[in-house]
Amino acid sequence: FQECKTKDAGINHKSLNFPEFNKDNIIYFTSNISTVNINPYKKYDLNNKNILITGGTGTIGNQLLETLLSDYNPKTVTVFSRDEMKQHDMKAKYRNNPKVRFTIGDIRDEKSLEKAFKDVDVVIHTAAMKLVPMCEDDPEEAVKTNIDGVRNIINASLHSNVKRVLSISSDKAASPSCLYGATKFVGEKLFTDANKYTNFDGVKFSCVRLGNVLGSRASIIPFFKEQSKKGNLKITDENMTRFFMTPKQATDLILTGIESMNGGEIFIPKLKNTSIVELAKTVAPDTKYDIIGARPGEKLSEEFITSTENPNTIEIADKYIILPENQVSSSKNLWPGSKHIIPNFDYSSANEDFKMTDDELNQLVKQFI
């Protein structure tokens, strides 16, 4: 591990474990932990289970399907989405695999979900309106998908035999400043609260917060590469920083989260950050850029864990976990070897303790251009 320390004055600093460089997964967590099927906290076996992915035609859905089929042995994996053309394309790829199923449906329709959830053991909820400007322009539509859709997922799960439901959230849910982040914040609250409507052996609900997933639609690296062909890049603000992760990282976090969840947790990856300017210069080093200003609702930096969440947050080898209030006192039993994060822990993209090296940034960019 790389040894780093926090910058907060007046605190007894402790060494913190941050991700190691790994050639196969540039900003990898911890290779002996987050590699699939090697999870020391495993409580639930994904093998021989019926798994459904909402929004399964997206980048994360595609990566999840690929990983489940290659590294696990599910009984079935159902892709649930409302985009028939994307499903058509995916069907062509998996037409000879009897384990893969496709269902057209919308998370805004609870009845549609109830039918799709029949005989399903695990639901991975990735469907959402994700583009910040679109959510700002059409807030009512964002609420219908990102909040009402979550309520429908919860209700359909409670009325079925589903055992595990994991919802994909975002670092933008922490101290949200845009509508997208606000809907994700509410979605997290609904999900963690849903556990009180189930019993010990019933369905469990948890969340993961992801950083910016490279390789997804409208991802920033291909966007900069395309702009560079015109001889000029558009950058929102020179001081803007972000956490970035690969689809494989996101998938590892999701699947190990499902295996280990007790219900009510928010799982957070250990990532490194970079500035948007440094990313742009790495993608197109000889291209000039203009500063156009942040879009409505955009923050200059993102944080994964807020000060109010700090007392309930523990650290294990490959991730941080925000625990529900009723699990904090028993965290050592539920998560052996865990430790509480230090007071005033600053896990934000502006904190240079988490900054990528030039080599890591270069290697990351190479994967996507």
Protein backbone atom coordinates (compact mmCIF):
# COMPACT_ATOMS: atom_id res chain seq x y z
CA PHE A 1 0.00 0.00 0.00
CA GLN A 2 0.92 3.59 -0.51
CA GLU A 3 1.13 5.30 2.86
CA CYS A 4 -0.62 8.66 3.03
CA LYS A 5 -1.66 10.96 5.82
CA THR A 6 -4.44 13.45 6.23
CA LYS A 7 -3.71 17.14 6.29
CA ASP A 8 -6.04 18.06 9.17
CA ALA A 9 -4.15 19.84 11.93
CA GLY A 10 -4.52 18.90 15.56
CA ILE A 11 -5.39 15.24 14.89
CA ASN A 12 -3.39 12.17 15.78
CA HIS A 13 -2.72 11.13 12.20
CA LYS A 14 -2.98 7.48 11.25
CA SER A 15 -1.65 5.87 8.12
CA LEU A 16 -4.42 5.28 5.60
CA ASN A 17 -4.42 2.64 2.91
CA PHE A 18 -5.04 3.94 -0.58
CA PRO A 19 -5.33 2.01 -3.86
CA GLU A 20 -2.26 0.53 -5.46
CA PHE A 21 -1.35 0.90 -9.12
CA ASN A 22 -2.23 -2.28 -10.96
CA LYS A 23 -1.68 -2.87 -14.66
CA ASP A 24 -4.97 -4.73 -15.08
CA ASN A 25 -7.19 -2.18 -13.37
CA ILE A 26 -5.41 1.13 -13.24
CA ILE A 27 -6.71 2.47 -9.93
CA TYR A 28 -7.34 -0.90 -8.39
CA PHE A 29 -8.66 -1.40 -4.86
CA THR A 30 -6.74 -4.25 -3.25
CA SER A 31 -6.03 -7.11 -5.59
CA ASN A 32 -6.47 -9.92 -3.07
CA ILE A 33 -9.80 -8.54 -1.85
CA SER A 34 -11.80 -7.05 -4.70
CA THR A 35 -11.02 -9.74 -7.25
CA VAL A 36 -14.35 -11.46 -7.72
CA ASN A 37 -15.01 -14.57 -5.66
CA ILE A 38 -12.31 -13.65 -3.12
CA ASN A 39 -14.35 -11.76 -0.54
CA PRO A 40 -13.52 -12.36 3.16
CA TYR A 41 -16.87 -10.82 4.20
CA LYS A 42 -18.94 -13.04 1.92
CA LYS A 43 -22.30 -13.93 3.45
CA TYR A 44 -24.35 -14.51 0.32
CA ASP A 45 -23.49 -16.73 -2.66
CA LEU A 46 -24.34 -15.29 -6.08
CA ASN A 47 -23.87 -18.64 -7.78
CA ASN A 48 -27.00 -20.48 -8.93
CA LYS A 49 -29.13 -17.37 -8.35
CA ASN A 50 -31.60 -15.55 -10.59
CA ILE A 51 -30.26 -12.01 -10.98
CA LEU A 52 -32.00 -9.01 -12.56
CA ILE A 53 -30.29 -5.78 -13.64
CA THR A 54 -32.43 -2.69 -14.14
CA GLY A 55 -30.99 -0.43 -16.82
CA GLY A 56 -29.06 -3.51 -17.86
CA THR A 57 -28.23 -2.22 -21.35
CA GLY A 58 -26.00 0.55 -19.96
CA THR A 59 -22.24 0.51 -19.47
CA ILE A 60 -22.36 -0.87 -15.93
CA GLY A 61 -25.12 -3.33 -16.86
CA ASN A 62 -23.03 -4.69 -19.72
CA GLN A 63 -19.97 -5.06 -17.49
CA LEU A 64 -22.04 -6.73 -14.76
CA LEU A 65 -23.49 -9.23 -17.21
CA GLU A 66 -20.06 -10.03 -18.62
CA THR A 67 -18.53 -10.49 -15.15
CA LEU A 68 -21.41 -12.59 -13.82
CA LEU A 69 -21.17 -14.95 -16.78
CA SER A 70 -17.38 -15.24 -16.76
CA ASP A 71 -16.58 -15.29 -13.04
CA TYR A 72 -19.77 -16.64 -11.43
CA ASN A 73 -22.32 -19.32 -12.22
CA PRO A 74 -25.73 -17.63 -12.04
CA LYS A 75 -28.88 -19.55 -12.85
CA THR A 76 -30.14 -16.65 -14.98
CA VAL A 77 -29.35 -12.97 -15.54
CA THR A 78 -32.24 -10.80 -16.73
CA VAL A 79 -31.61 -7.49 -18.46
CA PHE A 80 -34.51 -5.16 -17.64
CA SER A 81 -34.71 -1.86 -19.55
CA ARG A 82 -36.98 0.25 -21.73
CA ASP A 83 -34.63 0.64 -24.73
CA GLU A 84 -35.61 -2.05 -27.25
CA MET A 85 -32.81 -1.23 -29.69
CA LYS A 86 -30.10 -1.70 -27.08
CA GLN A 87 -31.75 -4.93 -25.99
CA HIS A 88 -31.84 -6.02 -29.63
CA ASP A 89 -28.08 -5.46 -29.91
CA MET A 90 -27.35 -7.28 -26.64
CA LYS A 91 -29.56 -10.21 -27.65
CA ALA A 92 -27.45 -10.68 -30.76
CA LYS A 93 -24.33 -10.91 -28.60
CA TYR A 94 -25.82 -13.40 -26.12
CA ARG A 95 -28.26 -15.25 -28.37
CA ASN A 96 -26.58 -18.61 -27.71
CA ASN A 97 -26.50 -18.23 -23.93
CA PRO A 98 -29.64 -19.68 -22.28
CA LYS A 99 -28.81 -17.98 -18.98
CA VAL A 100 -29.34 -14.49 -20.37
CA ARG A 101 -32.88 -13.13 -20.56
CA PHE A 102 -34.32 -9.80 -21.66
CA THR A 103 -37.40 -7.96 -20.42
CA ILE A 104 -38.72 -4.65 -21.74
CA GLY A 105 -40.01 -2.54 -18.89
CA ASP A 106 -39.83 0.77 -17.06
CA ILE A 107 -38.99 1.27 -13.39
CA ARG A 108 -41.69 3.95 -13.35
CA ASP A 109 -44.23 1.12 -13.67
CA GLU A 110 -44.50 -0.86 -10.43
CA LYS A 111 -46.66 -3.58 -12.01
CA SER A 112 -44.03 -4.12 -14.67
CA LEU A 113 -41.41 -4.59 -11.96
CA GLU A 114 -43.58 -6.98 -9.95
CA LYS A 115 -43.93 -9.27 -12.96
CA ALA A 116 -40.22 -9.06 -13.77
CA PHE A 117 -39.21 -9.82 -10.15
CA LYS A 118 -41.02 -13.16 -10.05
CA ASP A 119 -38.51 -15.87 -9.00
CA VAL A 120 -35.67 -13.29 -8.88
CA ASP A 121 -33.16 -13.59 -6.02
CA VAL A 122 -31.01 -10.48 -6.57
CA VAL A 123 -31.83 -7.08 -8.07
CA ILE A 124 -29.07 -4.68 -9.11
CA HIS A 125 -30.64 -1.29 -9.71
CA THR A 126 -28.61 0.75 -12.21
CA ALA A 127 -31.44 2.46 -14.15
CA ALA A 128 -31.51 6.25 -13.72
CA MET A 129 -31.54 9.63 -15.37
CA LYS A 130 -27.83 10.42 -14.97
CA LEU A 131 -26.94 13.47 -17.04
CA VAL A 132 -26.77 16.50 -14.77
CA PRO A 133 -27.94 19.07 -17.38
CA MET A 134 -30.91 16.90 -18.42
CA CYS A 135 -32.02 16.53 -14.82
CA GLU A 136 -31.71 20.29 -14.32
CA ASP A 137 -33.79 20.97 -17.44
CA ASP A 138 -36.48 18.36 -16.66
CA PRO A 139 -36.58 17.97 -12.88
CA GLU A 140 -40.02 16.37 -12.82
CA GLU A 141 -38.86 13.61 -15.16
CA ALA A 142 -35.74 13.04 -13.05
CA VAL A 143 -37.89 12.70 -9.94
CA LYS A 144 -40.19 10.20 -11.67
CA THR A 145 -37.25 7.99 -12.60
CA ASN A 146 -34.73 8.48 -9.79
CA ILE A 147 -37.11 8.75 -6.82
CA ASP A 148 -40.48 7.27 -7.84
CA GLY A 149 -38.61 4.51 -9.66
CA VAL A 150 -36.70 3.66 -6.47
CA ARG A 151 -39.96 3.48 -4.52
CA ASN A 152 -41.31 1.08 -7.12
CA ILE A 153 -38.17 -1.07 -6.89
CA ILE A 154 -38.57 -1.25 -3.11
CA ASN A 155 -42.29 -2.05 -3.20
CA ALA A 156 -41.91 -4.70 -5.89
CA SER A 157 -39.06 -6.30 -3.92
CA LEU A 158 -41.07 -6.36 -0.69
CA HIS A 159 -43.93 -8.11 -2.52
CA SER A 160 -41.70 -10.78 -4.08
CA ASN A 161 -39.12 -13.33 -2.97
CA VAL A 162 -36.11 -11.13 -3.76
CA LYS A 163 -33.33 -11.54 -1.18
CA ARG A 164 -30.81 -8.81 -2.06
CA VAL A 165 -31.31 -5.41 -3.70
CA LEU A 166 -28.40 -3.07 -4.35
CA SER A 167 -28.96 0.43 -5.73
CA ILE A 168 -26.31 2.34 -7.66
CA SER A 169 -25.83 5.85 -6.29
CA SER A 170 -23.22 8.54 -6.88
CA ASP A 171 -20.71 10.70 -5.06
CA LYS A 172 -23.02 13.54 -6.08
CA ALA A 173 -25.47 12.28 -3.42
CA ALA A 174 -23.09 13.56 -0.73
CA SER A 175 -24.01 17.21 0.02
CA PRO A 176 -25.89 17.46 -3.29
CA SER A 177 -25.86 20.72 -5.23
CA CYS A 178 -27.65 19.53 -8.38
CA LEU A 179 -30.99 17.85 -8.89
CA TYR A 180 -29.37 14.61 -9.99
CA GLY A 181 -27.40 14.44 -6.74
CA ALA A 182 -30.50 15.37 -4.75
CA THR A 183 -32.53 12.55 -6.31
CA LYS A 184 -29.73 10.11 -5.57
CA PHE A 185 -29.58 11.35 -1.98
CA VAL A 186 -33.31 10.74 -1.56
CA GLY A 187 -32.96 7.36 -3.27
CA GLU A 188 -30.31 6.34 -0.74
CA LYS A 189 -32.56 7.38 2.15
CA LEU A 190 -35.46 5.37 0.73
CA PHE A 191 -33.27 2.31 0.24
CA THR A 192 -31.65 2.31 3.67
CA ASP A 193 -35.03 2.99 5.32
CA ALA A 194 -36.68 0.08 3.46
CA ASN A 195 -34.87 -2.43 5.67
CA LYS A 196 -37.23 -1.71 8.54
CA TYR A 197 -40.11 -3.18 6.52
CA THR A 198 -38.49 -6.60 6.27
CA ASN A 199 -37.43 -9.29 8.75
CA PHE A 200 -34.09 -10.95 9.45
CA ASP A 201 -34.47 -13.53 6.68
CA GLY A 202 -36.21 -11.17 4.26
CA VAL A 203 -34.98 -8.90 1.51
CA LYS A 204 -32.04 -6.61 2.29
CA PHE A 205 -31.45 -3.20 0.72
CA SER A 206 -28.10 -1.40 0.39
CA CYS A 207 -26.41 1.16 -1.90
CA VAL A 208 -23.08 1.88 -3.53
CA ARG A 209 -21.75 5.32 -4.37
CA LEU A 210 -19.76 5.41 -7.58
CA GLY A 211 -17.37 8.04 -8.89
CA ASN A 212 -17.32 9.09 -12.54
CA VAL A 213 -17.31 5.85 -14.53
CA LEU A 214 -15.03 6.10 -17.55
CA GLY A 215 -16.20 4.42 -20.72
CA SER A 216 -19.86 5.16 -20.07
CA ARG A 217 -22.03 7.21 -22.39
CA ALA A 218 -20.89 10.87 -22.56
CA SER A 219 -17.71 9.84 -20.74
CA ILE A 220 -15.19 12.66 -20.58
CA ILE A 221 -12.13 11.02 -22.21
CA PRO A 222 -13.78 10.22 -25.59
CA PHE A 223 -15.45 13.64 -25.36
CA PHE A 224 -12.08 15.41 -25.03
CA LYS A 225 -10.59 13.23 -27.75
CA GLU A 226 -13.36 14.16 -30.17
CA GLN A 227 -13.07 17.85 -29.30
CA SER A 228 -9.31 17.75 -29.87
CA LYS A 229 -9.94 16.95 -33.54
CA LYS A 230 -11.42 20.45 -33.82
CA GLY A 231 -8.32 21.98 -32.26
CA ASN A 232 -9.94 23.26 -29.07
CA LEU A 233 -11.22 21.77 -25.79
CA LYS A 234 -14.03 23.16 -23.65
CA ILE A 235 -13.26 22.96 -19.93
CA THR A 236 -15.73 24.08 -17.31
CA ASP A 237 -13.31 25.32 -14.62
CA GLU A 238 -9.55 25.09 -14.07
CA ASN A 239 -10.08 24.17 -10.41
CA MET A 240 -12.54 21.34 -11.03
CA THR A 241 -11.52 17.91 -9.72
CA ARG A 242 -13.19 14.49 -9.85
CA PHE A 243 -12.83 10.87 -8.77
CA PHE A 244 -12.69 8.45 -11.71
CA MET A 245 -13.19 4.71 -11.85
CA THR A 246 -13.35 1.98 -14.47
CA PRO A 247 -16.44 -0.15 -15.22
CA LYS A 248 -14.54 -3.14 -13.79
CA GLN A 249 -13.99 -1.31 -10.51
CA ALA A 250 -17.67 -0.43 -10.35
CA THR A 251 -18.64 -4.05 -11.00
CA ASP A 252 -16.28 -5.40 -8.31
CA LEU A 253 -17.70 -2.94 -5.78
CA ILE A 254 -21.28 -3.88 -6.66
CA LEU A 255 -20.83 -7.66 -6.59
CA THR A 256 -18.74 -7.79 -3.41
CA GLY A 257 -21.28 -5.41 -1.85
CA ILE A 258 -24.14 -7.81 -2.60
CA GLU A 259 -22.16 -10.74 -1.19
CA SER A 260 -21.34 -8.97 2.09
CA MET A 261 -24.27 -6.61 2.77
CA ASN A 262 -26.25 -6.83 6.00
CA GLY A 263 -28.79 -4.24 4.83
CA GLY A 264 -28.67 -0.46 5.06
CA GLU A 265 -25.00 0.09 4.18
CA ILE A 266 -23.66 2.55 1.62
CA PHE A 267 -20.49 1.13 0.05
CA ILE A 268 -17.83 3.57 -1.17
CA PRO A 269 -14.75 2.68 -3.24
CA LYS A 270 -11.21 3.76 -2.50
CA LEU A 271 -10.30 5.87 -5.52
CA LYS A 272 -7.85 8.52 -6.59
CA ASN A 273 -8.67 11.89 -8.12
CA THR A 274 -7.36 14.26 -10.75
CA SER A 275 -8.17 17.72 -12.02
CA ILE A 276 -10.16 18.12 -15.21
CA VAL A 277 -7.36 20.27 -16.68
CA GLU A 278 -4.73 17.59 -16.07
CA LEU A 279 -7.03 14.99 -17.56
CA ALA A 280 -7.57 17.14 -20.64
CA LYS A 281 -3.84 17.77 -21.06
CA THR A 282 -3.18 14.03 -20.82
CA VAL A 283 -5.82 13.20 -23.42
CA ALA A 284 -4.81 15.98 -25.82
CA PRO A 285 -1.47 17.49 -24.72
CA ASP A 286 -1.06 19.77 -27.75
CA THR A 287 -4.61 21.11 -27.86
CA LYS A 288 -5.60 24.52 -26.52
CA TYR A 289 -8.56 24.82 -24.20
CA ASP A 290 -11.14 27.43 -23.24
CA ILE A 291 -12.76 27.84 -19.83
CA ILE A 292 -16.55 27.96 -20.28
CA GLY A 293 -17.70 27.92 -16.63
CA ALA A 294 -19.39 25.25 -14.54
CA ARG A 295 -22.85 24.08 -15.56
CA PRO A 296 -25.84 24.73 -13.28
CA GLY A 297 -25.58 22.59 -10.17
CA GLU A 298 -21.96 21.52 -10.78
CA LYS A 299 -19.52 21.59 -7.87
CA LEU A 300 -15.80 22.23 -8.29
CA SER A 301 -15.02 19.12 -6.26
CA GLU A 302 -16.93 16.04 -5.15
CA GLU A 303 -16.90 14.38 -1.76
CA PHE A 304 -17.75 10.77 -1.02
CA ILE A 305 -18.34 11.04 2.73
CA THR A 306 -19.84 14.07 4.48
CA SER A 307 -18.96 15.28 7.97
CA THR A 308 -22.33 14.09 9.28
CA GLU A 309 -21.70 10.60 7.85
CA ASN A 310 -18.18 10.44 9.28
CA PRO A 311 -19.11 9.00 12.73
CA ASN A 312 -20.96 6.09 11.08
CA THR A 313 -18.24 5.25 8.55
CA ILE A 314 -15.81 2.36 8.79
CA GLU A 315 -12.86 1.35 6.63
CA ILE A 316 -11.97 -2.11 5.39
CA ALA A 317 -9.17 -3.09 3.02
CA ASP A 318 -10.82 -2.16 -0.27
CA LYS A 319 -13.65 0.24 0.61
CA TYR A 320 -15.34 2.55 3.08
CA ILE A 321 -18.81 1.70 4.42
CA ILE A 322 -21.36 4.13 5.83
CA LEU A 323 -23.30 2.04 8.33
CA PRO A 324 -26.92 2.48 9.38
CA GLU A 325 -27.22 3.76 12.94
CA ASN A 326 -28.24 0.37 14.34
CA GLN A 327 -25.05 -1.31 13.07
CA VAL A 328 -22.43 1.16 14.32
CA SER A 329 -21.99 -0.38 17.78
CA SER A 330 -21.67 -3.90 16.33
CA SER A 331 -19.38 -2.97 13.43
CA LYS A 332 -16.44 -5.02 14.74
CA ASN A 333 -18.58 -8.17 14.75
CA LEU A 334 -20.21 -7.50 11.37
CA TRP A 335 -16.96 -6.37 9.73
CA PRO A 336 -13.99 -8.06 11.48
CA GLY A 337 -10.79 -6.08 11.14
CA SER A 338 -12.60 -2.87 10.26
CA LYS A 339 -11.79 0.48 11.82
CA HIS A 340 -13.65 3.75 12.12
CA ILE A 341 -12.30 6.54 9.95
CA ILE A 342 -10.55 9.35 11.75
CA PRO A 343 -12.42 12.53 12.74
CA ASN A 344 -12.61 15.19 10.04
CA PHE A 345 -11.63 12.66 7.37
CA ASP A 346 -11.59 14.53 4.06
CA TYR A 347 -12.44 12.13 1.25
CA SER A 348 -12.95 14.73 -1.45
CA SER A 349 -11.59 15.10 -4.97
CA ALA A 350 -9.89 18.34 -3.89
CA ASN A 351 -7.74 16.46 -1.35
CA GLU A 352 -4.31 15.96 -2.94
CA ASP A 353 -3.60 13.03 -0.62
CA PHE A 354 -5.77 11.06 -3.07
CA LYS A 355 -4.26 12.53 -6.23
CA MET A 356 -3.21 10.24 -9.11
CA THR A 357 0.41 10.23 -10.15
CA ASP A 358 1.24 11.26 -13.71
CA ASP A 359 1.96 7.63 -14.55
CA GLU A 360 -1.38 6.43 -13.19
CA LEU A 361 -3.24 9.12 -15.09
CA ASN A 362 -1.43 8.30 -18.33
CA GLN A 363 -2.15 4.60 -17.99
CA LEU A 364 -5.79 5.28 -17.20
CA VAL A 365 -6.27 7.48 -20.25
CA LYS A 366 -4.67 4.87 -22.53
CA GLN A 367 -7.49 2.46 -21.76
CA PHE A 368 -10.13 4.75 -23.22
CA ILE A 369 -8.58 6.42 -26.29
